[in-house]
Protein backbone atom coordinates (compact mmCIF):
# COMPACT_ATOMS: atom_id res chain seq x y z
CA MET A 1 0.00 0.00 0.00
CA THR A 2 2.80 2.41 0.89
CA GLY A 3 4.61 1.64 -2.36
CA ALA A 4 1.44 2.24 -4.45
CA ILE A 5 0.70 5.58 -2.75
CA THR A 6 4.32 6.68 -3.15
CA THR A 7 4.21 5.81 -6.86
CA LEU A 8 1.00 7.82 -7.40
CA TRP A 9 2.36 10.78 -5.46
CA PHE A 10 5.69 11.11 -7.24
CA TRP A 11 4.78 9.79 -10.70
CA GLN A 12 5.11 12.70 -13.16
CA ASP A 13 4.33 10.96 -16.46
CA THR A 14 1.15 9.37 -17.81
CA ARG A 15 -0.21 6.81 -15.36
CA SER A 16 -0.31 3.99 -17.86
CA GLY A 17 1.99 1.48 -19.44
CA SER A 18 3.91 -1.48 -18.11
CA VAL A 19 6.49 0.61 -16.23
CA PHE A 20 3.81 2.46 -14.25
CA TRP A 21 1.94 -0.71 -13.32
CA TYR A 22 5.18 -2.45 -12.40
CA CYS A 23 6.11 0.41 -10.05
CA PHE A 24 2.53 0.74 -8.77
CA PHE A 25 1.77 -2.91 -8.08
CA VAL A 26 4.44 -5.51 -8.90
CA PHE A 27 7.44 -3.93 -7.15
CA PRO A 28 5.65 -3.08 -3.83
CA PHE A 29 3.99 -6.50 -3.75
CA SER A 30 7.28 -8.28 -4.50
CA PHE A 31 9.05 -6.26 -1.80
CA TRP A 32 6.31 -7.05 0.72
CA LEU A 33 6.45 -10.73 -0.24
CA LEU A 34 10.23 -10.76 0.26
CA CYS A 35 9.94 -9.16 3.71
CA PHE A 36 7.17 -11.57 4.67
CA GLY A 37 9.27 -14.55 3.53
CA ILE A 38 12.32 -13.38 5.49
CA ARG A 39 10.21 -12.82 8.59
CA ARG A 40 8.56 -16.21 8.23
CA LEU A 41 11.91 -17.92 7.68
CA GLY A 42 13.33 -16.23 10.78
CA TYR A 43 10.33 -17.31 12.84
CA LYS A 44 10.64 -20.91 11.65
CA CYS A 45 14.39 -20.97 12.36
CA GLN A 46 13.78 -19.58 15.83
CA GLN A 47 11.08 -22.18 16.45
CA VAL A 48 13.28 -25.04 15.25
CA TRP A 49 16.19 -23.76 17.38
CA ALA A 50 13.96 -23.40 20.44
CA ASP A 51 12.51 -26.89 19.98
CA GLY A 52 15.99 -28.32 19.55
CA TRP A 53 17.22 -26.48 22.64
CA ASP A 54 14.24 -27.74 24.65
CA ARG A 55 14.93 -31.31 23.56
CA GLU A 56 18.62 -30.94 24.43
CA CYS A 57 17.79 -29.46 27.85
CA GLN A 58 15.31 -32.25 28.51
CA ALA A 59 17.89 -34.87 27.50
CA ILE A 60 20.49 -33.30 29.80
CA ARG A 61 17.97 -33.15 32.64
CA GLU A 62 17.01 -36.81 32.19
CA GLN A 63 20.69 -37.79 32.04
CA GLU A 64 21.41 -35.87 35.26
CA ILE A 65 18.43 -37.50 36.99
CA ARG A 66 19.64 -40.96 35.92
CA ARG A 67 23.08 -40.09 37.28
CA GLY A 68 21.60 -38.75 40.51
CA GLN A 69 19.48 -41.85 41.02
CA ARG A 70 22.51 -44.10 40.88
CA GLY A 71 22.79 -45.70 44.33
CA ALA A 72 24.74 -48.28 46.29
CA ARG A 73 24.21 -51.15 48.68
CA LEU A 74 25.57 -50.77 52.19
CA ILE A 75 27.06 -54.16 52.98
CA PHE A 76 29.16 -53.55 56.10
CA THR A 77 29.30 -51.14 59.04
CA HIS A 78 31.54 -50.86 62.07
CA ALA A 79 31.40 -48.15 64.71
CA SER A 80 33.46 -47.61 67.84
CA ALA A 81 31.88 -44.84 69.87
CA PRO A 82 31.42 -43.97 73.55
CA ALA A 83 28.13 -45.90 73.33
CA GLY A 84 30.06 -49.08 72.53
CA ASN A 85 31.06 -51.08 69.46
CA ASP A 86 27.61 -52.22 68.31
CA ALA A 87 26.46 -50.10 65.34
CA THR A 88 22.93 -51.49 65.56
CA LYS A 89 22.39 -49.74 68.91
CA LEU A 90 23.41 -46.24 67.78
CA PRO A 91 19.91 -45.05 66.72
CA GLY A 92 18.48 -46.26 70.02
CA THR A 93 21.10 -44.29 71.94
CA LEU A 94 19.89 -41.10 70.30
CA GLN A 95 16.21 -41.93 70.66
CA GLU A 96 16.66 -42.71 74.35
CA LYS A 97 18.38 -39.31 74.62
CA LYS A 98 21.41 -40.69 76.41
CA ALA A 99 24.10 -38.07 77.01
CA LEU A 100 27.46 -39.74 76.44
CA MET A 101 29.50 -36.58 76.96
CA SER A 102 31.11 -36.06 80.34
CA PRO A 103 32.78 -33.01 81.94
CA VAL A 104 36.50 -32.63 81.21
CA THR A 105 38.93 -29.79 81.83
CA SER A 106 39.64 -27.57 78.84
CA LYS A 107 43.09 -26.97 77.38
CA ASP A 108 43.59 -23.73 79.28
CA GLN A 109 42.51 -25.40 82.55
CA ASP A 110 40.09 -22.52 83.14
CA SER A 111 36.80 -24.19 82.33
CA VAL A 112 34.99 -27.49 82.17
CA ILE A 113 33.66 -28.65 78.81
CA GLN A 114 31.52 -31.55 77.58
CA TYR A 115 33.41 -34.24 75.66
CA ALA A 116 32.70 -37.89 74.77
CA GLN A 117 35.82 -40.08 74.84
CA LEU A 118 36.08 -43.57 73.43
CA SER A 119 37.52 -44.83 76.71
CA ASP A 120 39.30 -43.69 79.86
CA GLU A 121 42.72 -44.21 78.29
CA LEU A 122 44.87 -41.09 78.77
CA PHE A 123 46.44 -40.75 75.31
CA ALA A 124 44.32 -40.27 72.18
CA ALA A 125 46.68 -42.38 70.07
CA LYS A 126 46.25 -45.36 72.40
CA ARG A 127 42.47 -44.97 72.35
CA PHE A 128 42.64 -44.93 68.56
CA MET A 129 44.91 -48.00 68.35
CA THR A 130 42.50 -50.04 70.46
CA ALA A 131 39.59 -49.08 68.18
CA ARG A 132 41.79 -49.62 65.12
CA GLU A 133 42.50 -53.24 66.05
CA LEU A 134 38.80 -53.97 66.45
CA LEU A 135 38.04 -52.32 63.12
CA LEU A 136 40.73 -54.12 61.11
CA ALA A 137 39.73 -57.45 62.65
CA ASP A 138 36.32 -56.97 61.01
CA VAL A 139 37.31 -55.26 57.75
CA LEU A 140 40.31 -57.28 56.51
CA PRO A 141 38.64 -60.74 56.44
CA PHE A 142 35.69 -59.18 54.65
CA LEU A 143 37.95 -57.72 51.93
CA GLU A 144 39.80 -61.00 51.50
CA ALA A 145 36.50 -62.77 50.81
CA LEU A 146 35.59 -60.45 47.93
CA PRO A 147 35.93 -61.85 44.38
CA SER A 148 39.19 -60.79 42.75
CA ARG A 149 37.39 -59.17 39.81
CA TRP A 150 35.82 -56.56 42.10
CA ARG A 151 37.64 -53.24 42.21
CA ARG A 152 38.38 -51.95 45.69
CA TYR A 153 38.30 -48.21 46.33
CA CYS A 154 39.09 -46.75 49.72
CA SER A 155 39.00 -43.46 51.59
CA ILE A 156 40.79 -43.20 54.93
CA GLN A 157 40.01 -40.01 56.85
CA LEU A 158 41.86 -39.70 60.16
CA ASN A 159 42.09 -36.84 62.63
CA VAL A 160 43.96 -38.31 65.58
CA SER A 161 46.28 -36.59 68.06
CA GLU A 162 49.59 -38.42 68.07
CA SER A 163 50.85 -37.18 71.47
CA ASP A 164 54.12 -38.92 72.26
CA VAL A 165 52.85 -42.31 71.11
CA MET A 166 53.76 -43.69 67.71
CA MET A 167 50.49 -44.15 65.85
CA PRO A 168 50.39 -46.87 63.17
CA GLU A 169 48.67 -46.00 59.93
CA ILE A 170 45.73 -47.87 58.48
CA PHE A 171 46.70 -49.70 55.30
CA LEU A 172 44.31 -51.66 53.10
CA PRO A 173 46.05 -53.89 50.52
CA ASN A 174 45.07 -53.91 46.84
CA THR A 175 42.91 -50.80 47.02
CA LEU A 176 42.67 -47.60 44.98
CA THR A 177 42.21 -44.23 46.66
CA CYS A 178 38.89 -42.52 46.03
CA PRO A 179 39.21 -38.71 45.98
CA GLY A 180 37.26 -36.33 48.18
CA GLN A 181 36.43 -35.72 51.81
CA GLY A 182 33.29 -36.52 53.73
CA LEU A 183 30.24 -37.56 51.72
CA ALA A 184 31.90 -36.22 48.55
CA VAL A 185 33.80 -39.53 48.50
CA LEU A 186 30.56 -41.46 48.07
CA ASP A 187 29.37 -39.02 45.41
CA ASN A 188 32.64 -39.41 43.45
CA TRP A 189 32.72 -43.20 43.72
CA LEU A 190 29.19 -43.55 42.32
CA ASP A 191 30.51 -42.05 39.06
CA MET A 192 33.47 -44.45 38.77
CA LYS A 193 32.68 -47.09 36.13
CA PRO A 194 29.22 -48.00 37.46
CA ALA A 195 28.98 -50.93 35.04
CA SER A 196 31.96 -52.65 36.71
CA PRO A 197 31.53 -54.31 40.13
CA SER A 198 33.35 -52.40 42.85
CA VAL A 199 33.28 -51.63 46.54
CA LEU A 200 34.08 -48.46 48.45
CA ILE A 201 35.68 -48.82 51.87
CA VAL A 202 35.43 -45.73 54.08
CA ILE A 203 37.33 -45.52 57.36
CA ALA A 204 37.06 -42.36 59.45
CA ALA A 205 38.41 -41.60 62.91
CA GLU A 206 38.22 -38.58 65.20
CA VAL A 207 40.21 -38.94 68.43
CA GLN A 208 41.73 -35.89 70.14
CA ASP A 209 43.97 -35.19 73.12
CA ILE A 210 42.81 -31.56 73.22
CA PRO A 211 39.02 -31.72 73.17
CA LEU A 212 36.54 -29.09 72.06
CA ASN A 213 33.28 -28.36 73.80
CA ILE A 214 30.26 -30.45 72.68
CA ALA A 215 32.56 -32.82 70.77
CA GLY A 216 33.25 -36.52 70.77
CA GLU A 217 35.31 -39.39 69.41
CA ALA A 218 34.41 -42.13 66.98
CA VAL A 219 36.09 -44.66 64.71
CA VAL A 220 33.85 -45.95 61.93
CA ALA A 221 34.06 -48.09 58.82
CA LEU A 222 31.54 -48.61 56.03
CA ILE A 223 31.66 -50.69 52.85
CA PHE A 224 29.43 -49.95 49.87
CA ALA A 225 28.85 -52.07 46.75
CA ASN A 226 27.51 -50.94 43.39
CA HIS A 227 26.42 -54.47 42.37
CA PRO A 228 24.75 -57.34 44.26
CA ILE A 229 27.24 -58.94 46.62
CA PRO A 230 27.47 -62.76 46.77
CA GLU A 231 25.32 -64.00 49.67
CA GLU A 232 28.09 -66.18 51.06
CA ILE A 233 30.23 -63.06 51.60
CA SER A 234 27.81 -60.65 53.19
CA THR A 235 24.19 -59.75 53.80
CA GLU A 236 23.23 -56.45 52.28
CA LEU A 237 21.91 -53.97 54.84
CA THR A 238 20.23 -51.01 53.14
CA MET A 239 20.20 -48.96 49.95
CA ILE A 240 22.23 -45.75 50.07
CA HIS A 241 21.16 -43.14 47.55
CA ARG A 242 23.44 -40.45 46.19
CA PRO A 243 23.81 -37.51 48.60
CA HIS A 244 23.37 -34.00 47.20
CA CYS A 245 25.39 -30.93 48.16
CA GLU A 246 24.21 -27.31 48.20
CA PRO A 247 25.12 -24.17 50.15
CA VAL A 248 23.28 -24.01 53.47
CA VAL A 249 21.11 -21.15 52.18
CA ARG A 250 19.74 -23.59 49.56
CA THR A 251 18.80 -26.27 52.09
CA SER A 252 15.36 -26.72 50.56
CA VAL A 253 16.91 -27.49 47.15
CA ALA A 254 19.29 -30.03 48.72
CA ILE A 255 16.39 -31.85 50.39
CA GLU A 256 14.32 -31.78 47.20
CA ARG A 257 17.17 -33.25 45.12
CA ALA A 258 17.96 -35.92 47.72
CA LEU A 259 14.32 -37.05 47.64
CA LEU A 260 14.36 -37.04 43.83
CA TRP A 261 17.55 -39.13 43.71
CA ALA A 262 15.95 -41.66 46.08
CA LYS A 263 12.55 -41.59 44.30
CA GLN A 264 10.85 -40.91 47.62
CA ARG A 265 7.89 -38.76 48.60
CA THR A 266 8.11 -36.56 51.67
CA ASP A 267 5.57 -38.66 53.56
CA ASN A 268 7.81 -41.73 53.17
CA ILE A 269 10.57 -40.26 55.35
CA GLY A 270 10.46 -41.69 58.87
CA ASN A 271 13.31 -39.82 60.61
CA SER A 272 16.16 -37.44 59.91
CA TRP A 273 19.67 -37.82 61.33
CA LEU A 274 21.64 -34.59 61.47
CA THR A 275 25.19 -33.60 62.32
CA GLY A 276 27.08 -30.33 62.13
CA TRP A 277 24.38 -28.11 63.66
CA GLY A 278 25.38 -28.51 67.30
CA THR A 279 22.65 -29.20 69.83
CA SER A 280 19.84 -27.41 67.95
CA THR A 281 18.86 -26.83 64.33
CA ASP A 282 18.63 -23.36 62.80
CA SER A 283 15.79 -21.46 61.15
CA VAL A 284 17.07 -22.32 57.65
CA TRP A 285 16.63 -26.06 58.26
CA SER A 286 13.24 -25.56 59.92
CA ALA A 287 12.00 -23.43 57.01
CA ALA A 288 13.32 -25.94 54.45
CA ILE A 289 11.61 -28.99 55.93
CA GLU A 290 8.39 -27.00 56.26
CA GLN A 291 8.65 -25.89 52.63
CA GLN A 292 9.21 -29.47 51.48
CA GLY A 293 6.34 -30.78 53.60
CA LEU A 294 8.47 -32.98 55.86
CA LEU A 295 6.85 -33.71 59.23
CA LEU A 296 10.03 -33.88 61.31
CA LYS A 297 10.22 -32.63 64.90
CA ASP A 298 13.33 -32.27 67.05
CA GLY A 299 13.54 -35.02 69.64
CA GLU A 300 10.76 -37.06 68.02
CA THR A 301 11.67 -37.76 64.39
CA CYS A 302 14.60 -35.35 63.93
CA TRP A 303 17.75 -36.47 65.73
CA LEU A 304 20.87 -34.37 66.31
CA LEU A 305 23.92 -36.57 66.84
CA GLU A 306 25.72 -33.86 68.80
CA LYS A 307 23.20 -34.11 71.65
CA SER A 308 24.49 -37.58 72.53
CA PHE A 309 27.81 -38.17 70.78
CA GLY A 310 29.11 -34.61 70.44
CA TYR A 311 30.53 -33.46 67.10
CA THR A 312 32.77 -36.24 65.83
CA GLY A 313 34.61 -34.32 63.10
CA CYS A 314 35.53 -36.32 60.00
CA ALA A 315 33.59 -39.33 61.34
CA ALA A 316 30.38 -37.30 61.81
CA PRO A 317 28.76 -37.72 58.35
CA TRP A 318 29.46 -41.46 58.33
CA LEU A 319 28.11 -41.85 61.86
CA ALA A 320 24.91 -40.11 60.74
CA LEU A 321 24.70 -42.42 57.72
CA ILE A 322 25.15 -45.50 59.93
CA CYS A 323 22.36 -44.31 62.25
CA ALA A 324 20.05 -43.65 59.30
CA SER A 325 20.77 -46.99 57.63
CA GLU A 326 20.29 -48.96 60.85
CA GLN A 327 16.95 -47.25 61.46
CA ALA A 328 15.91 -47.92 57.84
CA ARG A 329 16.79 -51.60 58.26
CA GLN A 330 15.01 -51.95 61.60
CA GLU A 331 11.89 -49.89 60.77
CA GLN A 332 11.76 -50.67 57.02
CA THR A 333 11.18 -46.98 56.28
CA ALA A 334 13.16 -44.37 54.35
CA GLN A 335 15.48 -42.18 56.44
CA LEU A 336 17.04 -38.79 55.74
CA TYR A 337 20.63 -37.99 56.76
CA ALA A 338 22.36 -34.60 56.55
CA HIS A 339 25.79 -33.18 57.31
CA LYS A 340 26.49 -29.46 57.62
CA THR A 341 30.19 -28.76 56.98
CA SER A 342 32.36 -26.02 58.45
CA ALA A 343 32.35 -24.35 55.01
CA ASP A 344 28.55 -23.87 55.20
CA GLN A 345 27.92 -26.60 52.66
CA LEU A 346 25.10 -29.06 53.27
CA TRP A 347 25.07 -32.69 52.19
CA VAL A 348 21.67 -34.40 52.27
CA GLY A 349 20.93 -38.00 51.35
CA VAL A 350 18.35 -40.75 51.80
CA THR A 351 18.73 -44.37 52.78
CA THR A 352 15.96 -46.89 52.17
CA PRO A 353 15.26 -50.55 52.99
CA LEU A 354 16.63 -53.14 50.61
CA LEU A 355 15.18 -53.48 47.13
CA SER A 356 15.18 -56.56 44.95
CA ASP A 357 18.54 -57.94 43.91
CA LYS A 358 17.46 -57.29 40.34
CA GLN A 359 17.17 -53.57 40.99
CA ASP A 360 19.37 -51.64 38.56
CA LEU A 361 21.55 -49.17 40.44
CA SER A 362 23.39 -47.77 37.44
């Protein structure tokens, strides 16, 4: 229309002939058709690109969910704590609200603090060596019974005061070191050749000569398998689902992802087992569980390990996982475990009762 009006306005000659009609009708229409075609082509390209991007994003999301839902079987636990050497009794110790910490004199001799020691032995290194012998007596025969084709990964996390006593190291033969600290070790191992049978051995110990207030000692060991273990070697205990890490301010996201990785609804969670908060949770955790619809109450279904055991340092996340897995095995309900690190990072995971041996964990 604009081209036709412009032609009529500026045309000085007779308004007839092929040139006039070309300028009046054909050229404006052809120009409009060209613009329309370019616009339509751009729209189609954008639509195709957007659809392709959506499909790619969906594929990446599904791949990440499959990776997140890769889990492991917990096949062995050992725990030496002030409550004793029976890992099956740890959840009951918390639920009975037993205080295992006792008054000790602080380093500066000016105050009395609460600390849970493994035993009355004076030196930390000697307390550790006693627990170490018990642990290796359980772990080494188990490893020797594993089929030779199974890869063996290990993570040994020790924080032990040496004092003036020579402390022997813990050595596991024929094992590969799995990188990471805390629950990051489990997260990393789940990505290591999931199609190949392997086990992860975690040993963690926290034993100190110079105690901190509301702290404790523990020596723990756990063994995970990514494939069904032969029945003559061990009885599988529980399923351990991949833990998820987020900054503490994103606690709600961490809980949501942990539930997604475990394929669990909020009403399936029986209890939560927490460490790293001290003797009481904060408003961030309370708001997160309320936002996710979890019905967990302190002292009833939400258990803080520090109230009984004190904070057990590098052994703390594994002690929480042992408590959660034992409760899942005994109650046959899903359990939530969480570890708040000193760097304000939060690891949250879920453990569930055993599934069928045919369950695909990869």
